[in-house]
C-alpha cells in the first residue's frame, strides 16, 4: 500500500469490514469466497483477489486474521485452506501449568503468522510494509491503558509519522511494529489465549482481543477512519463515492440454562452478560451504519427497526446469519460441543451454512 494508492482520486472507494468470532470465521470465509468468485466472473480476471477490489479492509480478532491475509493479496481459497490446515494447531491446549494464562497455547498461531508476514528477504514485515495492497485496519484492546487501539497502515496517521513535531525520529512509530504481532494481539481472547506483549519505544503494552472493545463489528470505525479528518484519510462521502460491505460470523441469542436458573436465580443471568453485551454492541454498530448510509442489503435488526432511513453518506451492505435456538441445539447435537469460539467440531456446519448464506451475495451489493 503506497501513499499514492491512498490519496489518488478514485470515483468510488470500497470498504470491507469483518467481525470477530473465533473459529466462526469459517462462515465469513465462505461469504467472501462467493464474493470473490462473482467479481472474477464479472471482470473476466480469474486471478482477481479482494485486495484488487477493496481500498480499505478492516477486521477484529478472527476478522483481523482474514482481513490481513486479504490485504496481503491472498485469495479466499488460500485463506480457506489455511484455516482448514491450521485450525487444530491454533487451538492446541496449553500445558496445565500455563492454564492461568489461557486455555490454548499462543505459540502455534504466532508461528503461523510469523511465517506468512515476511518481506522478500525473510525479515518480519512491519505494519508499514509495502506488501500490503490496501489500507488495513486492525482492532485490538490495550489492556495496559484500558483503551481500544484501532491501528492502520495509513502513513499520514498521527502515530505513524516518521518524525516528531520537533523533527527528531519517532521511535514509537506504529508502522514499525511487526505485522504478525498486531494480528496475534487482536486475537488474544481472554480465557482462550494469553495477552500479547508489544514493545513500542520505551514502553511495553499488553494487548487483548479487539472483540472486547466496541468494535467487534468494525464497520463503523472503518467508515470513521476513512472519512474523519482526525484519521487523515478523508475520503469523500456520498452514495456514488463510498461503499461499505460488512460481514459477520453468524449470530446466536444467548441461552439461559433452565436448571441453573432454578438453582441460582438471578445469578444465572450473569453468565449471559459478556455475550449479550457483545451482541448488543455489534447490533448498535450495524444500526449506526444504517442510520449514516443507505442500506442496500441487510436483515432487519429487530421487529421494529425494519426500515431505517439513513443520511446517504455511503451505500451499505450487511451480511450476517442469525441462528435460531432450535438450529443451534440441532447443530450441537449433531456435531458435539457448544456454539463457542473454539469448537472445531462446528467447522463443517459453519462452512456449509456460510456457503448457503453466500447465495444472498449479489454483484450489485459488491460493486
Protein backbone atom coordinates (compact mmCIF):
# COMPACT_ATOMS: atom_id res chain seq x y z
CA UNK A 1 0.00 0.00 0.00
CA UNK A 2 1.53 3.27 -1.13
CA UNK A 3 0.67 6.85 -0.33
CA UNK A 4 -0.32 7.25 -3.98
CA UNK A 5 -2.85 4.42 -3.63
CA UNK A 6 -4.27 6.09 -0.55
CA UNK A 7 -4.61 9.59 -1.97
CA UNK A 8 -5.26 9.13 -5.68
CA UNK A 9 -8.63 10.39 -6.81
CA UNK A 10 -10.92 7.44 -7.48
CA UNK A 11 -14.58 7.73 -8.44
CA UNK A 12 -15.61 5.24 -5.75
CA UNK A 13 -13.94 3.86 -2.64
CA UNK A 14 -14.85 0.47 -1.18
CA UNK A 15 -14.50 -0.71 2.43
CA UNK A 16 -14.72 -4.30 3.67
CA UNK A 17 -15.26 -4.90 7.43
CA UNK A 18 -15.02 -8.34 9.07
CA UNK A 19 -16.38 -9.22 12.54
CA UNK A 20 -14.66 -11.25 15.22
CA UNK A 21 -15.93 -14.66 16.27
CA UNK A 22 -13.17 -17.25 16.66
CA UNK A 23 -13.49 -20.36 14.55
CA UNK A 24 -16.81 -18.99 13.27
CA UNK A 25 -14.62 -17.05 10.87
CA UNK A 26 -15.02 -20.01 8.50
CA UNK A 27 -18.59 -18.76 7.93
CA UNK A 28 -17.17 -15.38 6.86
CA UNK A 29 -14.68 -17.05 4.54
CA UNK A 30 -17.44 -18.78 2.58
CA UNK A 31 -19.31 -15.50 2.08
CA UNK A 32 -16.06 -13.91 0.90
CA UNK A 33 -15.48 -16.83 -1.45
CA UNK A 34 -18.81 -16.23 -3.13
CA UNK A 35 -17.96 -12.53 -3.43
CA UNK A 36 -14.54 -13.16 -4.95
CA UNK A 37 -15.95 -15.67 -7.43
CA UNK A 38 -18.61 -13.24 -8.62
CA UNK A 39 -16.06 -10.47 -9.10
CA UNK A 40 -13.80 -12.81 -11.09
CA UNK A 41 -16.69 -13.71 -13.37
CA UNK A 42 -17.70 -10.06 -13.73
CA UNK A 43 -14.21 -8.80 -14.60
CA UNK A 44 -13.05 -11.83 -16.54
CA UNK A 45 -9.94 -11.90 -14.34
CA UNK A 46 -9.61 -15.41 -12.90
CA UNK A 47 -6.74 -14.25 -10.68
CA UNK A 48 -8.58 -11.34 -9.06
CA UNK A 49 -8.32 -11.16 -5.28
CA UNK A 50 -10.40 -8.99 -2.98
CA UNK A 51 -7.43 -6.67 -2.38
CA UNK A 52 -7.81 -5.68 -6.04
CA UNK A 53 -11.38 -4.53 -5.40
CA UNK A 54 -11.45 -3.02 -1.90
CA UNK A 55 -9.48 0.05 -0.82
CA UNK A 56 -9.73 -0.50 2.94
CA UNK A 57 -10.12 -3.82 4.74
CA UNK A 58 -10.86 -3.82 8.49
CA UNK A 59 -11.03 -6.73 10.89
CA UNK A 60 -11.30 -7.67 14.54
CA UNK A 61 -10.00 -10.90 16.11
CA UNK A 62 -10.53 -13.73 13.58
CA UNK A 63 -11.70 -10.96 11.25
CA UNK A 64 -8.30 -9.31 11.70
CA UNK A 65 -6.56 -12.51 10.57
CA UNK A 66 -8.74 -12.76 7.47
CA UNK A 67 -8.54 -9.02 6.74
CA UNK A 68 -4.75 -9.02 6.91
CA UNK A 69 -4.49 -12.11 4.72
CA UNK A 70 -6.75 -10.40 2.18
CA UNK A 71 -4.78 -7.16 2.29
CA UNK A 72 -1.60 -9.21 1.86
CA UNK A 73 -3.06 -10.26 -1.51
CA UNK A 74 -4.15 -13.79 -0.67
CA UNK A 75 -7.08 -15.42 -2.42
CA UNK A 76 -10.06 -16.62 -0.41
CA UNK A 77 -9.24 -20.21 -1.37
CA UNK A 78 -5.76 -19.84 0.12
CA UNK A 79 -7.24 -18.44 3.35
CA UNK A 80 -9.83 -21.23 3.45
CA UNK A 81 -7.03 -23.78 3.11
CA UNK A 82 -5.01 -22.14 5.88
CA UNK A 83 -7.94 -22.26 8.28
CA UNK A 84 -8.54 -25.90 7.37
CA UNK A 85 -4.88 -26.85 7.81
CA UNK A 86 -4.11 -24.76 10.87
CA UNK A 87 -7.30 -24.79 12.97
CA UNK A 88 -6.30 -27.78 15.06
CA UNK A 89 -2.84 -26.33 15.71
CA UNK A 90 -4.15 -22.85 16.52
CA UNK A 91 -6.36 -24.32 19.23
CA UNK A 92 -3.73 -26.52 20.88
CA UNK A 93 -4.34 -26.84 24.61
CA UNK A 94 -1.80 -25.11 26.81
CA UNK A 95 0.03 -27.29 29.37
CA UNK A 96 -1.71 -27.37 32.74
CA UNK A 97 0.90 -25.15 34.39
CA UNK A 98 0.04 -22.36 31.91
CA UNK A 99 -3.76 -22.53 32.26
CA UNK A 100 -3.70 -19.30 34.25
CA UNK A 101 -2.68 -17.56 31.01
CA UNK A 102 -5.32 -19.15 28.77
CA UNK A 103 -6.85 -22.43 27.60
CA UNK A 104 -4.71 -22.53 24.47
CA UNK A 105 -1.06 -22.02 23.68
CA UNK A 106 -0.30 -18.94 21.61
CA UNK A 107 2.90 -20.37 20.11
CA UNK A 108 1.32 -22.12 17.10
CA UNK A 109 -0.79 -19.19 15.94
CA UNK A 110 2.20 -16.89 16.45
CA UNK A 111 4.44 -19.21 14.42
CA UNK A 112 1.91 -19.36 11.59
CA UNK A 113 1.53 -15.57 11.39
CA UNK A 114 5.29 -15.06 11.67
CA UNK A 115 5.93 -17.45 8.78
CA UNK A 116 3.47 -15.68 6.46
CA UNK A 117 4.05 -12.00 7.12
CA UNK A 118 7.65 -11.68 5.97
CA UNK A 119 9.41 -9.49 3.43
CA UNK A 120 11.07 -10.87 0.31
CA UNK A 121 14.38 -11.04 2.17
CA UNK A 122 12.84 -13.09 5.00
CA UNK A 123 12.74 -10.30 7.59
CA UNK A 124 9.49 -9.75 9.54
CA UNK A 125 7.05 -7.48 7.74
CA UNK A 126 6.08 -4.38 9.69
CA UNK A 127 2.74 -2.58 9.72
CA UNK A 128 4.23 -0.10 7.25
CA UNK A 129 5.21 -2.80 4.73
CA UNK A 130 4.62 -2.11 1.06
CA UNK A 131 3.43 -5.71 0.66
CA UNK A 132 0.00 -4.78 2.00
CA UNK A 133 -2.10 -3.96 -1.03
CA UNK A 134 -4.85 -1.99 0.73
CA UNK A 135 -5.38 0.32 3.64
CA UNK A 136 -5.65 -2.08 6.59
CA UNK A 137 -7.35 -1.52 9.95
CA UNK A 138 -6.75 -3.94 12.83
CA UNK A 139 -8.70 -3.58 16.08
CA UNK A 140 -7.23 -4.63 19.44
CA UNK A 141 -7.54 -3.63 23.07
CA UNK A 142 -4.61 -2.18 25.00
CA UNK A 143 -5.07 -3.75 28.44
CA UNK A 144 -2.29 -1.57 29.88
CA UNK A 145 -4.07 1.68 29.05
CA UNK A 146 -7.61 0.19 29.09
CA UNK A 147 -8.39 1.56 25.66
CA UNK A 148 -9.32 0.37 22.18
CA UNK A 149 -6.48 0.55 19.66
CA UNK A 150 -7.63 0.56 16.02
CA UNK A 151 -4.30 0.63 14.15
CA UNK A 152 -3.98 1.31 10.44
CA UNK A 153 -1.08 1.37 7.99
CA UNK A 154 -2.00 4.88 6.85
CA UNK A 155 1.37 6.71 6.67
CA UNK A 156 -0.40 10.01 7.38
CA UNK A 157 -1.94 8.85 10.69
CA UNK A 158 -0.91 10.73 13.83
CA UNK A 159 1.03 7.87 15.42
CA UNK A 160 2.54 6.66 12.14
CA UNK A 161 4.67 9.72 11.47
CA UNK A 162 8.40 9.21 10.89
CA UNK A 163 9.33 12.40 12.75
CA UNK A 164 8.16 14.03 15.94
CA UNK A 165 6.96 17.63 15.98
CA UNK A 166 10.50 18.77 16.88
CA UNK A 167 11.99 16.93 13.89
CA UNK A 168 13.52 14.08 15.90
CA UNK A 169 12.98 10.45 14.78
CA UNK A 170 9.77 8.93 16.11
CA UNK A 171 10.95 5.75 17.86
CA UNK A 172 7.38 4.91 18.87
CA UNK A 173 6.04 4.88 15.34
CA UNK A 174 3.26 2.31 14.95
CA UNK A 175 4.32 1.49 11.40
CA UNK A 176 7.48 -0.09 12.84
CA UNK A 177 5.52 -2.74 14.76
CA UNK A 178 5.67 -6.33 13.44
CA UNK A 179 2.52 -7.09 11.46
CA UNK A 180 2.24 -10.65 12.74
CA UNK A 181 2.28 -9.44 16.33
CA UNK A 182 -0.54 -6.95 15.80
CA UNK A 183 -2.73 -9.64 14.24
CA UNK A 184 -1.91 -12.01 17.10
CA UNK A 185 -2.80 -9.26 19.61
CA UNK A 186 -6.21 -8.77 18.03
CA UNK A 187 -6.95 -12.49 18.58
CA UNK A 188 -5.87 -12.67 22.24
CA UNK A 189 -9.34 -13.51 23.56
CA UNK A 190 -9.39 -13.59 27.38
CA UNK A 191 -9.65 -17.11 28.83
CA UNK A 192 -8.78 -18.59 25.41
CA UNK A 193 -5.35 -17.06 24.66
CA UNK A 194 -2.80 -15.13 26.74
CA UNK A 195 -2.29 -11.40 26.14
CA UNK A 196 0.29 -10.30 23.57
CA UNK A 197 3.11 -8.10 24.87
CA UNK A 198 4.31 -5.49 22.39
CA UNK A 199 7.18 -3.08 22.94
CA UNK A 200 6.77 0.36 21.44
CA UNK A 201 9.81 2.55 22.01
CA UNK A 202 10.39 2.71 25.76
CA UNK A 203 7.02 1.22 26.66
CA UNK A 204 5.70 -2.34 26.76
CA UNK A 205 1.96 -2.87 26.50
CA UNK A 206 -0.26 -5.92 26.93
CA UNK A 207 -2.93 -6.34 24.27
CA UNK A 208 -6.16 -8.30 24.29
CA UNK A 209 -8.69 -9.36 21.68
CA UNK A 210 -10.32 -6.48 19.82
CA UNK A 211 -13.64 -8.25 20.35
CA UNK A 212 -13.82 -6.82 23.86
CA UNK A 213 -13.88 -3.28 22.52
CA UNK A 214 -16.90 -1.58 20.96
CA UNK A 215 -15.59 -2.71 17.56
CA UNK A 216 -16.03 -6.48 17.37
CA UNK A 217 -18.08 -5.37 14.40
CA UNK A 218 -15.54 -2.91 12.91
CA UNK A 219 -17.78 -1.44 10.20
CA UNK A 220 -18.41 1.92 11.87
CA UNK A 221 -14.80 2.54 12.96
CA UNK A 222 -13.70 1.64 9.41
CA UNK A 223 -16.06 4.26 7.99
CA UNK A 224 -14.87 6.86 10.51
CA UNK A 225 -11.21 6.04 9.81
CA UNK A 226 -11.81 6.56 6.09
CA UNK A 227 -13.72 9.84 6.36
CA UNK A 228 -12.99 11.76 9.57
CA UNK A 229 -10.22 14.42 9.28
CA UNK A 230 -8.57 13.31 12.55
CA UNK A 231 -7.59 9.99 10.95
CA UNK A 232 -6.05 11.77 7.93
CA UNK A 233 -7.53 9.70 5.12
CA UNK A 234 -10.53 11.92 4.34
CA UNK A 235 -12.16 10.04 1.51
CA UNK A 236 -15.25 11.81 0.15
CA UNK A 237 -18.68 10.56 1.19
CA UNK A 238 -21.83 10.11 -0.88
CA UNK A 239 -23.82 7.30 -2.43
CA UNK A 240 -21.70 7.29 -5.56
CA UNK A 241 -18.36 7.82 -3.76
CA UNK A 242 -18.21 5.35 -0.85
CA UNK A 243 -19.42 1.76 -0.38
CA UNK A 244 -19.17 -0.34 2.81
CA UNK A 245 -19.61 -4.13 2.99
CA UNK A 246 -19.78 -5.65 6.49
CA UNK A 247 -19.69 -9.41 7.17
CA UNK A 248 -20.47 -11.16 10.46
CA UNK A 249 -19.53 -14.62 11.73
CA UNK A 250 -23.04 -15.85 12.45
CA UNK A 251 -25.07 -14.70 15.41
CA UNK A 252 -26.79 -16.63 18.18
CA UNK A 253 -29.00 -15.49 21.01
CA UNK A 254 -27.57 -16.28 24.49
CA UNK A 255 -29.49 -19.14 26.11
CA UNK A 256 -30.27 -19.37 29.80
CA UNK A 257 -29.87 -22.83 31.26
CA UNK A 258 -33.19 -23.65 32.95
CA UNK A 259 -31.59 -25.87 35.58
CA UNK A 260 -29.09 -23.22 36.62
CA UNK A 261 -31.81 -20.58 36.55
CA UNK A 262 -33.88 -22.57 39.05
CA UNK A 263 -30.92 -23.14 41.36
CA UNK A 264 -29.10 -19.83 41.13
CA UNK A 265 -31.92 -17.46 40.30
CA UNK A 266 -30.70 -14.10 39.07
CA UNK A 267 -27.04 -15.13 39.27
CA UNK A 268 -27.52 -17.36 36.22
CA UNK A 269 -28.24 -14.27 34.16
CA UNK A 270 -24.67 -13.08 34.82
CA UNK A 271 -23.35 -15.84 32.56
CA UNK A 272 -25.07 -14.24 29.58
CA UNK A 273 -23.74 -10.72 30.18
CA UNK A 274 -20.48 -10.84 28.12
CA UNK A 275 -22.03 -12.42 25.02
CA UNK A 276 -25.15 -10.30 25.42
CA UNK A 277 -23.11 -7.10 25.54
CA UNK A 278 -21.04 -8.07 22.50
CA UNK A 279 -24.19 -8.89 20.55
CA UNK A 280 -25.87 -5.62 21.55
CA UNK A 281 -22.82 -3.51 20.69
CA UNK A 282 -22.43 -5.25 17.33
CA UNK A 283 -26.06 -4.52 16.50
CA UNK A 284 -25.59 -0.90 17.56
CA UNK A 285 -22.65 -0.54 15.15
CA UNK A 286 -24.84 -2.04 12.44
CA UNK A 287 -27.70 0.33 13.27
CA UNK A 288 -25.42 3.37 13.19
CA UNK A 289 -24.09 2.34 9.78
CA UNK A 290 -27.66 2.04 8.53
CA UNK A 291 -28.50 5.45 10.01
CA UNK A 292 -25.50 7.07 8.31
CA UNK A 293 -25.66 5.26 4.99
CA UNK A 294 -28.22 3.81 2.61
CA UNK A 295 -28.71 0.10 3.20
CA UNK A 296 -28.77 -2.00 0.05
CA UNK A 297 -28.99 -5.30 1.91
CA UNK A 298 -29.25 -6.49 5.49
CA UNK A 299 -31.65 -8.49 7.63
CA UNK A 300 -33.94 -6.42 9.90
CA UNK A 301 -32.27 -5.57 13.20
CA UNK A 302 -35.45 -6.42 15.11
CA UNK A 303 -39.20 -6.46 14.58
CA UNK A 304 -39.44 -2.69 14.95
CA UNK A 305 -36.30 -1.39 13.20
CA UNK A 306 -37.19 -2.88 9.84
CA UNK A 307 -36.56 0.14 7.62
CA UNK A 308 -34.03 2.70 8.84
CA UNK A 309 -33.70 5.75 6.61
CA UNK A 310 -30.08 6.86 6.54
CA UNK A 311 -28.20 10.05 5.76
CA UNK A 312 -26.83 8.73 2.45
CA UNK A 313 -23.17 9.21 3.37
CA UNK A 314 -22.38 5.85 1.74
CA UNK A 315 -24.04 2.70 0.44
CA UNK A 316 -24.08 -0.15 2.94
CA UNK A 317 -24.42 -3.93 2.88
CA UNK A 318 -24.52 -6.17 5.96
CA UNK A 319 -24.18 -9.93 5.60
CA UNK A 320 -24.81 -11.92 8.78
CA UNK A 321 -26.82 -15.00 9.67
CA UNK A 322 -28.79 -15.33 12.89
CA UNK A 323 -29.10 -18.93 14.04
CA UNK A 324 -32.26 -19.78 15.93
CA UNK A 325 -32.16 -21.61 19.26
CA UNK A 326 -33.55 -24.71 17.54
CA UNK A 327 -30.83 -24.58 14.86
CA UNK A 328 -28.10 -24.19 17.47
CA UNK A 329 -29.42 -27.08 19.56
CA UNK A 330 -29.63 -29.30 16.47
CA UNK A 331 -26.07 -28.39 15.41
CA UNK A 332 -24.71 -29.02 18.87
CA UNK A 333 -26.45 -32.39 19.00
CA UNK A 334 -25.17 -33.37 15.55
CA UNK A 335 -21.59 -32.16 15.92
CA UNK A 336 -20.96 -32.07 19.67
CA UNK A 337 -19.91 -29.31 22.00
CA UNK A 338 -21.29 -25.78 22.17
CA UNK A 339 -21.50 -22.92 19.73
CA UNK A 340 -18.34 -21.46 21.24
CA UNK A 341 -15.45 -19.62 19.62
CA UNK A 342 -13.18 -22.67 19.87
CA UNK A 343 -15.41 -25.62 18.98
CA UNK A 344 -13.66 -27.07 15.95
CA UNK A 345 -16.36 -29.71 15.56
CA UNK A 346 -18.63 -26.93 14.23
CA UNK A 347 -16.37 -26.14 11.27
CA UNK A 348 -18.21 -28.35 8.79
CA UNK A 349 -21.60 -26.99 9.85
CA UNK A 350 -20.44 -23.36 9.71
CA UNK A 351 -18.79 -23.91 6.33
CA UNK A 352 -21.97 -25.37 4.86
CA UNK A 353 -24.10 -22.60 6.35
CA UNK A 354 -21.69 -19.97 5.02
CA UNK A 355 -21.92 -21.47 1.54
CA UNK A 356 -25.72 -21.46 1.64
CA UNK A 357 -25.86 -17.95 3.08
CA UNK A 358 -23.39 -16.77 0.44
CA UNK A 359 -26.13 -17.20 -2.15
CA UNK A 360 -27.52 -13.90 -0.86
CA UNK A 361 -24.48 -12.07 -2.23
CA UNK A 362 -25.41 -10.08 -5.31
CA UNK A 363 -22.96 -8.44 -7.68
CA UNK A 364 -24.65 -5.06 -7.20
CA UNK A 365 -24.07 -5.37 -3.46
CA UNK A 366 -20.32 -5.58 -4.02
CA UNK A 367 -19.66 -3.13 -6.84
